[in-house]
């Protein structure tokens, strides 16, 4: 006798049918839970886009354990910051070909993830970000000379590439964060010529500084000489023959009163000052 027949033998006929029906229902529920997948887990740094047989919900699922309508497919899309590296040969304003290595930091706008999924798809970096980034690089570098990439304008170029990329992707649900110029390559002859030109420009600026410094030093010496001349003129105007004779008399009196052994002869006809002869041996 089969197990089901044994159970039916101990139960009334109507009750046995109810139990069988309950078992079938439970089995169907388990099948729905297993295959319909009404529970989903969205990892941190992602959002879930709900796709129910082609009908995409405008709302997203945030990280965590979420309940969804059975048979709903949940597409998990990253909203973390991503880096895209681009190595390209781009022309400069004067027609030189430069090898650039540029990095772009970007992320998906979480609120527009359903729109991006519907219009572009989950592979939006390859479809939208990469070609628009390349276009921005070529358009900006073509308006600058090659030497600008070796000067302070380098950061300005990176900023302009970033602004243009944001403009090109403003309606595509992609948020640009930063553009970094990582490496610049030119033919050796061109690179050496640019470096030599920059070196000479630096030397010219240094020479301007030296000349300016020398001019300032010459002006300082001129002012100093003028001051000395003015001092001598003022002093010479204040001196007279009578004053000099009087100062000589005062000095003679002091020498005469000194304890040092000496001979003082008064009356030098040229200067009017005493002649002092030492008596020490």
C-alpha atoms as a PDB file:
ATOM      1  CA  UNK A   1       0.000   0.000   0.000  1.00  0.00           C
ATOM      2  CA  UNK A   2       1.321   3.473  -0.924  1.00  0.00           C
ATOM      3  CA  UNK A   3       2.009   6.078   1.859  1.00  0.00           C
ATOM      4  CA  UNK A   4      -0.702   8.352   0.552  1.00  0.00           C
ATOM      5  CA  UNK A   5      -3.194   5.484   0.607  1.00  0.00           C
ATOM      6  CA  UNK A   6      -2.158   4.669   4.172  1.00  0.00           C
ATOM      7  CA  UNK A   7      -2.807   8.319   5.251  1.00  0.00           C
ATOM      8  CA  UNK A   8      -6.165   8.287   3.449  1.00  0.00           C
ATOM      9  CA  UNK A   9      -7.106   5.041   5.185  1.00  0.00           C
ATOM     10  CA  UNK A  10      -6.935   6.658   8.638  1.00  0.00           C
ATOM     11  CA  UNK A  11      -8.685   9.941   7.596  1.00  0.00           C
ATOM     12  CA  UNK A  12     -12.222  10.607   6.506  1.00  0.00           C
ATOM     13  CA  UNK A  13     -12.653  10.924   2.764  1.00  0.00           C
ATOM     14  CA  UNK A  14     -13.329  14.698   2.777  1.00  0.00           C
ATOM     15  CA  UNK A  15     -10.533  15.461   5.180  1.00  0.00           C
ATOM     16  CA  UNK A  16      -8.049  13.459   3.147  1.00  0.00           C
ATOM     17  CA  UNK A  17      -8.844  15.570   0.081  1.00  0.00           C
ATOM     18  CA  UNK A  18      -8.284  18.784   2.084  1.00  0.00           C
ATOM     19  CA  UNK A  19      -4.876  17.624   3.242  1.00  0.00           C
ATOM     20  CA  UNK A  20      -3.901  16.707  -0.300  1.00  0.00           C
ATOM     21  CA  UNK A  21      -5.029  20.110  -1.518  1.00  0.00           C
ATOM     22  CA  UNK A  22      -3.047  21.835   1.242  1.00  0.00           C
ATOM     23  CA  UNK A  23       0.056  19.893   0.304  1.00  0.00           C
ATOM     24  CA  UNK A  24      -0.354  20.918  -3.329  1.00  0.00           C
ATOM     25  CA  UNK A  25      -0.822  24.578  -2.390  1.00  0.00           C
ATOM     26  CA  UNK A  26       2.239  24.550  -0.171  1.00  0.00           C
ATOM     27  CA  UNK A  27       4.207  22.953  -2.966  1.00  0.00           C
ATOM     28  CA  UNK A  28       3.084  25.617  -5.421  1.00  0.00           C
ATOM     29  CA  UNK A  29       4.023  28.390  -2.981  1.00  0.00           C
ATOM     30  CA  UNK A  30       7.454  26.877  -2.551  1.00  0.00           C
ATOM     31  CA  UNK A  31       7.845  26.698  -6.303  1.00  0.00           C
ATOM     32  CA  UNK A  32       6.862  30.380  -6.606  1.00  0.00           C
ATOM     33  CA  UNK A  33       9.355  31.330  -3.895  1.00  0.00           C
ATOM     34  CA  UNK A  34      12.096  29.336  -5.568  1.00  0.00           C
ATOM     35  CA  UNK A  35      11.510  30.397  -9.157  1.00  0.00           C
ATOM     36  CA  UNK A  36       9.726  33.751  -8.932  1.00  0.00           C
ATOM     37  CA  UNK A  37      12.438  35.148  -6.622  1.00  0.00           C
ATOM     38  CA  UNK A  38      10.396  37.850  -4.775  1.00  0.00           C
ATOM     39  CA  UNK A  39      13.335  38.657  -2.470  1.00  0.00           C
ATOM     40  CA  UNK A  40      16.469  40.394  -3.734  1.00  0.00           C
ATOM     41  CA  UNK A  41      19.600  41.812  -2.132  1.00  0.00           C
ATOM     42  CA  UNK A  42      21.094  45.068  -3.440  1.00  0.00           C
ATOM     43  CA  UNK A  43      24.800  45.384  -2.475  1.00  0.00           C
ATOM     44  CA  UNK A  44      26.294  48.553  -1.034  1.00  0.00           C
ATOM     45  CA  UNK A  45      27.327  50.998  -3.746  1.00  0.00           C
ATOM     46  CA  UNK A  46      24.616  49.795  -6.135  1.00  0.00           C
ATOM     47  CA  UNK A  47      20.986  50.519  -6.957  1.00  0.00           C
ATOM     48  CA  UNK A  48      18.478  48.040  -8.295  1.00  0.00           C
ATOM     49  CA  UNK A  49      16.427  48.703 -11.439  1.00  0.00           C
ATOM     50  CA  UNK A  50      13.147  46.709 -11.542  1.00  0.00           C
ATOM     51  CA  UNK A  51      12.330  45.154 -14.913  1.00  0.00           C
ATOM     52  CA  UNK A  52       8.981  43.311 -14.966  1.00  0.00           C
ATOM     53  CA  UNK A  53       8.731  41.693 -18.382  1.00  0.00           C
ATOM     54  CA  UNK A  54      10.003  44.827 -20.126  1.00  0.00           C
ATOM     55  CA  UNK A  55       8.202  47.312 -17.863  1.00  0.00           C
ATOM     56  CA  UNK A  56      10.894  49.337 -16.069  1.00  0.00           C
ATOM     57  CA  UNK A  57       9.895  50.986 -12.799  1.00  0.00           C
ATOM     58  CA  UNK A  58      10.905  54.667 -12.442  1.00  0.00           C
ATOM     59  CA  UNK A  59      11.932  54.065  -8.825  1.00  0.00           C
ATOM     60  CA  UNK A  60      15.115  52.309  -7.784  1.00  0.00           C
ATOM     61  CA  UNK A  61      15.894  49.842  -5.026  1.00  0.00           C
ATOM     62  CA  UNK A  62      18.455  51.063  -2.526  1.00  0.00           C
ATOM     63  CA  UNK A  63      21.054  48.793  -0.885  1.00  0.00           C
ATOM     64  CA  UNK A  64      19.680  46.105   1.415  1.00  0.00           C
ATOM     65  CA  UNK A  65      17.201  43.199   1.368  1.00  0.00           C
ATOM     66  CA  UNK A  66      14.156  44.142  -0.730  1.00  0.00           C
ATOM     67  CA  UNK A  67      10.827  42.537  -1.650  1.00  0.00           C
ATOM     68  CA  UNK A  68       9.685  42.765  -5.251  1.00  0.00           C
ATOM     69  CA  UNK A  69       6.799  41.504  -7.318  1.00  0.00           C
ATOM     70  CA  UNK A  70       7.419  37.845  -8.251  1.00  0.00           C
ATOM     71  CA  UNK A  71       9.118  37.273 -11.586  1.00  0.00           C
ATOM     72  CA  UNK A  72      10.591  40.808 -11.502  1.00  0.00           C
ATOM     73  CA  UNK A  73      14.159  40.973 -12.759  1.00  0.00           C
ATOM     74  CA  UNK A  74      16.349  43.315 -10.706  1.00  0.00           C
ATOM     75  CA  UNK A  75      19.334  44.775 -12.574  1.00  0.00           C
ATOM     76  CA  UNK A  76      22.005  45.984 -10.183  1.00  0.00           C
ATOM     77  CA  UNK A  77      23.902  49.082 -11.396  1.00  0.00           C
ATOM     78  CA  UNK A  78      26.941  50.593  -9.660  1.00  0.00           C
ATOM     79  CA  UNK A  79      26.797  54.188  -8.427  1.00  0.00           C
ATOM     80  CA  UNK A  80      30.382  54.146  -7.168  1.00  0.00           C
ATOM     81  CA  UNK A  81      33.081  56.390  -8.577  1.00  0.00           C
ATOM     82  CA  UNK A  82      34.705  54.733 -11.581  1.00  0.00           C
ATOM     83  CA  UNK A  83      37.940  55.541 -13.405  1.00  0.00           C
ATOM     84  CA  UNK A  84      38.336  55.454 -17.158  1.00  0.00           C
ATOM     85  CA  UNK A  85      41.841  55.702 -18.622  1.00  0.00           C
ATOM     86  CA  UNK A  86      42.252  56.909 -22.170  1.00  0.00           C
ATOM     87  CA  UNK A  87      45.445  56.784 -24.217  1.00  0.00           C
ATOM     88  CA  UNK A  88      45.030  58.776 -27.407  1.00  0.00           C
ATOM     89  CA  UNK A  89      46.982  60.467 -30.171  1.00  0.00           C
ATOM     90  CA  UNK A  90      45.641  64.001 -30.455  1.00  0.00           C
ATOM     91  CA  UNK A  91      46.654  66.993 -32.597  1.00  0.00           C
ATOM     92  CA  UNK A  92      47.812  70.303 -31.139  1.00  0.00           C
ATOM     93  CA  UNK A  93      47.012  73.767 -32.472  1.00  0.00           C
ATOM     94  CA  UNK A  94      50.151  73.795 -34.624  1.00  0.00           C
ATOM     95  CA  UNK A  95      49.407  70.312 -35.999  1.00  0.00           C
ATOM     96  CA  UNK A  96      51.766  68.240 -33.848  1.00  0.00           C
ATOM     97  CA  UNK A  97      50.618  64.774 -32.805  1.00  0.00           C
ATOM     98  CA  UNK A  98      50.799  64.199 -29.057  1.00  0.00           C
ATOM     99  CA  UNK A  99      50.351  61.022 -27.061  1.00  0.00           C
ATOM    100  CA  UNK A 100      48.171  61.705 -24.036  1.00  0.00           C
ATOM    101  CA  UNK A 101      47.239  59.482 -21.131  1.00  0.00           C
ATOM    102  CA  UNK A 102      44.187  60.932 -19.423  1.00  0.00           C
ATOM    103  CA  UNK A 103      41.993  59.650 -16.599  1.00  0.00           C
ATOM    104  CA  UNK A 104      38.321  60.439 -16.022  1.00  0.00           C
ATOM    105  CA  UNK A 105      36.532  59.965 -12.700  1.00  0.00           C
ATOM    106  CA  UNK A 106      32.767  59.572 -13.082  1.00  0.00           C
ATOM    107  CA  UNK A 107      29.716  57.856 -11.595  1.00  0.00           C
ATOM    108  CA  UNK A 108      26.136  57.019 -12.426  1.00  0.00           C
ATOM    109  CA  UNK A 109      23.371  59.346 -11.220  1.00  0.00           C
ATOM    110  CA  UNK A 110      21.351  57.019  -8.960  1.00  0.00           C
ATOM    111  CA  UNK A 111      18.055  58.853  -9.544  1.00  0.00           C
ATOM    112  CA  UNK A 112      18.382  58.403 -13.318  1.00  0.00           C
ATOM    113  CA  UNK A 113      19.473  54.762 -13.296  1.00  0.00           C
ATOM    114  CA  UNK A 114      16.119  53.496 -14.705  1.00  0.00           C
ATOM    115  CA  UNK A 115      16.323  56.004 -17.571  1.00  0.00           C
ATOM    116  CA  UNK A 116      19.929  55.005 -18.346  1.00  0.00           C
ATOM    117  CA  UNK A 117      18.927  51.333 -18.276  1.00  0.00           C
ATOM    118  CA  UNK A 118      16.040  51.925 -20.702  1.00  0.00           C
ATOM    119  CA  UNK A 119      17.784  54.236 -23.175  1.00  0.00           C
ATOM    120  CA  UNK A 120      21.405  53.069 -23.043  1.00  0.00           C
ATOM    121  CA  UNK A 121      21.661  49.856 -21.080  1.00  0.00           C
ATOM    122  CA  UNK A 122      23.924  48.629 -18.288  1.00  0.00           C
ATOM    123  CA  UNK A 123      27.028  49.043 -20.486  1.00  0.00           C
ATOM    124  CA  UNK A 124      26.703  52.837 -20.593  1.00  0.00           C
ATOM    125  CA  UNK A 125      30.464  53.445 -19.929  1.00  0.00           C
ATOM    126  CA  UNK A 126      31.390  51.880 -23.276  1.00  0.00           C
ATOM    127  CA  UNK A 127      28.384  53.347 -25.130  1.00  0.00           C
ATOM    128  CA  UNK A 128      28.368  56.946 -23.828  1.00  0.00           C
ATOM    129  CA  UNK A 129      31.239  57.787 -21.473  1.00  0.00           C
ATOM    130  CA  UNK A 130      34.187  56.563 -23.536  1.00  0.00           C
ATOM    131  CA  UNK A 131      33.314  58.179 -26.914  1.00  0.00           C
ATOM    132  CA  UNK A 132      32.264  61.483 -25.338  1.00  0.00           C
ATOM    133  CA  UNK A 133      35.447  61.580 -23.281  1.00  0.00           C
ATOM    134  CA  UNK A 134      37.568  61.024 -26.401  1.00  0.00           C
ATOM    135  CA  UNK A 135      35.689  63.747 -28.242  1.00  0.00           C
ATOM    136  CA  UNK A 136      36.254  66.243 -25.414  1.00  0.00           C
ATOM    137  CA  UNK A 137      39.995  65.485 -25.302  1.00  0.00           C
ATOM    138  CA  UNK A 138      40.487  66.051 -29.023  1.00  0.00           C
ATOM    139  CA  UNK A 139      38.399  69.193 -29.196  1.00  0.00           C
ATOM    140  CA  UNK A 140      40.195  70.940 -26.317  1.00  0.00           C
ATOM    141  CA  UNK A 141      43.772  69.938 -27.142  1.00  0.00           C
ATOM    142  CA  UNK A 142      43.310  71.080 -30.751  1.00  0.00           C
ATOM    143  CA  UNK A 143      42.893  74.670 -29.497  1.00  0.00           C
ATOM    144  CA  UNK A 144      46.208  74.738 -27.571  1.00  0.00           C
ATOM    145  CA  UNK A 145      49.836  74.692 -28.620  1.00  0.00           C
ATOM    146  CA  UNK A 146      51.938  71.731 -27.551  1.00  0.00           C
ATOM    147  CA  UNK A 147      54.051  73.818 -25.172  1.00  0.00           C
ATOM    148  CA  UNK A 148      50.920  74.601 -23.121  1.00  0.00           C
ATOM    149  CA  UNK A 149      50.978  71.010 -21.862  1.00  0.00           C
ATOM    150  CA  UNK A 150      54.432  71.682 -20.371  1.00  0.00           C
ATOM    151  CA  UNK A 151      53.418  74.863 -18.582  1.00  0.00           C
ATOM    152  CA  UNK A 152      50.978  76.076 -15.942  1.00  0.00           C
ATOM    153  CA  UNK A 153      48.155  75.888 -18.515  1.00  0.00           C
ATOM    154  CA  UNK A 154      48.142  72.117 -18.094  1.00  0.00           C
ATOM    155  CA  UNK A 155      45.607  72.289 -15.260  1.00  0.00           C
ATOM    156  CA  UNK A 156      43.512  74.704 -17.281  1.00  0.00           C
ATOM    157  CA  UNK A 157      43.390  72.233 -20.185  1.00  0.00           C
ATOM    158  CA  UNK A 158      42.298  69.429 -17.862  1.00  0.00           C
ATOM    159  CA  UNK A 159      39.569  71.648 -16.424  1.00  0.00           C
ATOM    160  CA  UNK A 160      38.278  72.565 -19.896  1.00  0.00           C
ATOM    161  CA  UNK A 161      38.156  68.890 -20.911  1.00  0.00           C
ATOM    162  CA  UNK A 162      36.183  68.181 -17.748  1.00  0.00           C
ATOM    163  CA  UNK A 163      33.706  71.008 -18.378  1.00  0.00           C
ATOM    164  CA  UNK A 164      33.140  69.927 -21.979  1.00  0.00           C
ATOM    165  CA  UNK A 165      32.619  66.297 -20.949  1.00  0.00           C
ATOM    166  CA  UNK A 166      30.008  67.353 -18.388  1.00  0.00           C
ATOM    167  CA  UNK A 167      28.245  69.376 -21.059  1.00  0.00           C
ATOM    168  CA  UNK A 168      28.194  66.444 -23.499  1.00  0.00           C
ATOM    169  CA  UNK A 169      26.838  63.988 -20.905  1.00  0.00           C
ATOM    170  CA  UNK A 170      24.527  66.332 -18.985  1.00  0.00           C
ATOM    171  CA  UNK A 171      21.379  64.587 -20.287  1.00  0.00           C
ATOM    172  CA  UNK A 172      22.695  61.022 -20.165  1.00  0.00           C
ATOM    173  CA  UNK A 173      22.629  60.365 -16.416  1.00  0.00           C
ATOM    174  CA  UNK A 174      26.437  60.398 -16.000  1.00  0.00           C
ATOM    175  CA  UNK A 175      28.105  62.654 -13.430  1.00  0.00           C
ATOM    176  CA  UNK A 176      31.716  63.643 -14.150  1.00  0.00           C
ATOM    177  CA  UNK A 177      33.927  64.265 -11.123  1.00  0.00           C
ATOM    178  CA  UNK A 178      37.447  65.060 -12.361  1.00  0.00           C
ATOM    179  CA  UNK A 179      39.831  64.843 -15.321  1.00  0.00           C
ATOM    180  CA  UNK A 180      43.536  64.174 -14.749  1.00  0.00           C
ATOM    181  CA  UNK A 181      46.327  64.562 -17.316  1.00  0.00           C
ATOM    182  CA  UNK A 182      48.587  61.668 -16.396  1.00  0.00           C
ATOM    183  CA  UNK A 183      51.206  61.514 -19.141  1.00  0.00           C
ATOM    184  CA  UNK A 184      52.194  63.609 -22.176  1.00  0.00           C
ATOM    185  CA  UNK A 185      54.310  62.302 -25.024  1.00  0.00           C
ATOM    186  CA  UNK A 186      55.831  64.178 -27.981  1.00  0.00           C
ATOM    187  CA  UNK A 187      58.425  63.211 -30.602  1.00  0.00           C
ATOM    188  CA  UNK A 188      61.903  63.635 -29.042  1.00  0.00           C
ATOM    189  CA  UNK A 189      62.934  66.407 -31.441  1.00  0.00           C
ATOM    190  CA  UNK A 190      59.783  68.417 -30.731  1.00  0.00           C
ATOM    191  CA  UNK A 191      59.971  67.829 -26.982  1.00  0.00           C
ATOM    192  CA  UNK A 192      63.609  68.976 -26.890  1.00  0.00           C
ATOM    193  CA  UNK A 193      62.784  72.078 -28.936  1.00  0.00           C
ATOM    194  CA  UNK A 194      59.957  72.997 -26.594  1.00  0.00           C
ATOM    195  CA  UNK A 195      62.096  72.458 -23.527  1.00  0.00           C
ATOM    196  CA  UNK A 196      64.913  74.546 -25.025  1.00  0.00           C
ATOM    197  CA  UNK A 197      62.483  77.347 -25.812  1.00  0.00           C
ATOM    198  CA  UNK A 198      61.077  77.249 -22.304  1.00  0.00           C
ATOM    199  CA  UNK A 199      64.618  77.301 -20.886  1.00  0.00           C
ATOM    200  CA  UNK A 200      65.495  80.388 -22.890  1.00  0.00           C
ATOM    201  CA  UNK A 201      62.297  82.104 -21.819  1.00  0.00           C
ATOM    202  CA  UNK A 202      63.202  81.398 -18.204  1.00  0.00           C
ATOM    203  CA  UNK A 203      66.714  82.776 -18.753  1.00  0.00           C
ATOM    204  CA  UNK A 204      65.242  85.921 -20.334  1.00  0.00           C
ATOM    205  CA  UNK A 205      62.963  86.400 -17.340  1.00  0.00           C
ATOM    206  CA  UNK A 206      65.920  85.886 -15.024  1.00  0.00           C
ATOM    207  CA  UNK A 207      67.967  88.457 -16.953  1.00  0.00           C
ATOM    208  CA  UNK A 208      65.127  90.963 -16.630  1.00  0.00           C
ATOM    209  CA  UNK A 209      65.221  90.411 -12.894  1.00  0.00           C
ATOM    210  CA  UNK A 210      69.011  90.862 -12.767  1.00  0.00           C
ATOM    211  CA  UNK A 211      68.834  94.089 -14.789  1.00  0.00           C
ATOM    212  CA  UNK A 212      66.078  95.415 -12.596  1.00  0.00           C
ATOM    213  CA  UNK A 213      68.137  94.594  -9.510  1.00  0.00           C
ATOM    214  CA  UNK A 214      71.209  96.342 -10.963  1.00  0.00           C
ATOM    215  CA  UNK A 215      69.137  99.415 -11.800  1.00  0.00           C
ATOM    216  CA  UNK A 216      67.878  99.527  -8.248  1.00  0.00           C
ATOM    217  CA  UNK A 217      71.441  99.178  -6.919  1.00  0.00           C
ATOM    218  CA  UNK A 218      72.640 101.985  -9.230  1.00  0.00           C
ATOM    219  CA  UNK A 219      69.806 104.201  -8.022  1.00  0.00           C
ATOM    220  CA  UNK A 220      70.734 103.432  -4.413  1.00  0.00           C
ATOM    221  CA  UNK A 221      74.381 104.370  -5.017  1.00  0.00           C
ATOM    222  CA  UNK A 222      73.356 107.567  -6.812  1.00  0.00           C
ATOM    223  CA  UNK A 223      71.168 108.582  -3.873  1.00  0.00           C
ATOM    224  CA  UNK A 224      73.993 107.702  -1.448  1.00  0.00           C
ATOM    225  CA  UNK A 225      76.525 109.777  -3.433  1.00  0.00           C
ATOM    226  CA  UNK A 226      74.089 112.678  -3.603  1.00  0.00           C
ATOM    227  CA  UNK A 227      73.661 112.495   0.141  1.00  0.00           C
ATOM    228  CA  UNK A 228      77.420 112.582   0.737  1.00  0.00           C
ATOM    229  CA  UNK A 229      77.805 115.513  -1.642  1.00  0.00           C
ATOM    230  CA  UNK A 230      75.013 117.390   0.091  1.00  0.00           C
ATOM    231  CA  UNK A 231      76.631 116.689   3.468  1.00  0.00           C
ATOM    232  CA  UNK A 232      80.023 117.971   2.307  1.00  0.00           C
ATOM    233  CA  UNK A 233      78.458 121.070   0.801  1.00  0.00           C
ATOM    234  CA  UNK A 234      76.583 121.873   4.007  1.00  0.00           C
ATOM    235  CA  UNK A 235      79.683 121.288   6.163  1.00  0.00           C
ATOM    236  CA  UNK A 236      81.939 123.373   3.897  1.00  0.00           C
ATOM    237  CA  UNK A 237      79.496 126.246   4.020  1.00  0.00           C
ATOM    238  CA  UNK A 238      79.527 126.195   7.840  1.00  0.00           C
ATOM    239  CA  UNK A 239      83.351 126.236   8.177  1.00  0.00           C
ATOM    240  CA  UNK A 240      85.442 129.445   8.136  1.00  0.00           C
ATOM    241  CA  UNK A 241      89.089 130.359   8.662  1.00  0.00           C
ATOM    242  CA  UNK A 242      88.332 131.969  12.013  1.00  0.00           C
ATOM    243  CA  UNK A 243      86.544 128.825  13.235  1.00  0.00           C
ATOM    244  CA  UNK A 244      89.452 126.640  12.238  1.00  0.00           C
ATOM    245  CA  UNK A 245      91.948 128.939  14.032  1.00  0.00           C
ATOM    246  CA  UNK A 246      89.797 128.886  17.139  1.00  0.00           C
ATOM    247  CA  UNK A 247      89.611 125.078  17.115  1.00  0.00           C
ATOM    248  CA  UNK A 248      93.407 124.991  16.716  1.00  0.00           C
ATOM    249  CA  UNK A 249      93.876 127.211  19.774  1.00  0.00           C
ATOM    250  CA  UNK A 250      91.579 124.948  21.825  1.00  0.00           C
ATOM    251  CA  UNK A 251      93.533 121.885  20.753  1.00  0.00           C
ATOM    252  CA  UNK A 252      96.854 123.612  21.621  1.00  0.00           C
ATOM    253  CA  UNK A 253      95.624 124.431  25.104  1.00  0.00           C
ATOM    254  CA  UNK A 254      94.623 120.847  25.697  1.00  0.00           C
ATOM    255  CA  UNK A 255      97.953 119.546  24.466  1.00  0.00           C
ATOM    256  CA  UNK A 256      99.847 121.987  26.637  1.00  0.00           C
ATOM    257  CA  UNK A 257      97.942 120.788  29.684  1.00  0.00           C
ATOM    258  CA  UNK A 258      98.644 117.128  28.893  1.00  0.00           C
ATOM    259  CA  UNK A 259     101.151 115.182  31.063  1.00  0.00           C
ATOM    260  CA  UNK A 260     102.727 113.544  28.029  1.00  0.00           C
ATOM    261  CA  UNK A 261     106.277 114.649  27.224  1.00  0.00           C
ATOM    262  CA  UNK A 262     106.259 116.689  24.025  1.00  0.00           C
ATOM    263  CA  UNK A 263     107.367 119.944  22.415  1.00  0.00           C
ATOM    264  CA  UNK A 264     104.628 122.229  21.095  1.00  0.00           C
ATOM    265  CA  UNK A 265     105.624 124.870  18.523  1.00  0.00           C
ATOM    266  CA  UNK A 266     102.972 127.569  18.031  1.00  0.00           C
ATOM    267  CA  UNK A 267     102.450 129.482  14.828  1.00  0.00           C
ATOM    268  CA  UNK A 268     102.442 127.260  11.742  1.00  0.00           C
ATOM    269  CA  UNK A 269     102.008 129.889   8.969  1.00  0.00           C
ATOM    270  CA  UNK A 270     100.212 127.521   6.533  1.00  0.00           C
ATOM    271  CA  UNK A 271      97.431 126.116   8.656  1.00  0.00           C
ATOM    272  CA  UNK A 272      97.623 128.154  11.822  1.00  0.00           C
ATOM    273  CA  UNK A 273      97.701 124.905  13.803  1.00  0.00           C
ATOM    274  CA  UNK A 274     100.508 123.885  16.210  1.00  0.00           C
ATOM    275  CA  UNK A 275     103.308 121.564  15.270  1.00  0.00           C
ATOM    276  CA  UNK A 276     103.839 118.844  17.862  1.00  0.00           C
ATOM    277  CA  UNK A 277     107.204 117.199  18.286  1.00  0.00           C
ATOM    278  CA  UNK A 278     107.540 114.292  20.671  1.00  0.00           C
ATOM    279  CA  UNK A 279     110.461 114.495  23.150  1.00  0.00           C
ATOM    280  CA  UNK A 280     110.374 110.778  23.956  1.00  0.00           C
ATOM    281  CA  UNK A 281     113.370 108.654  22.924  1.00  0.00           C
END
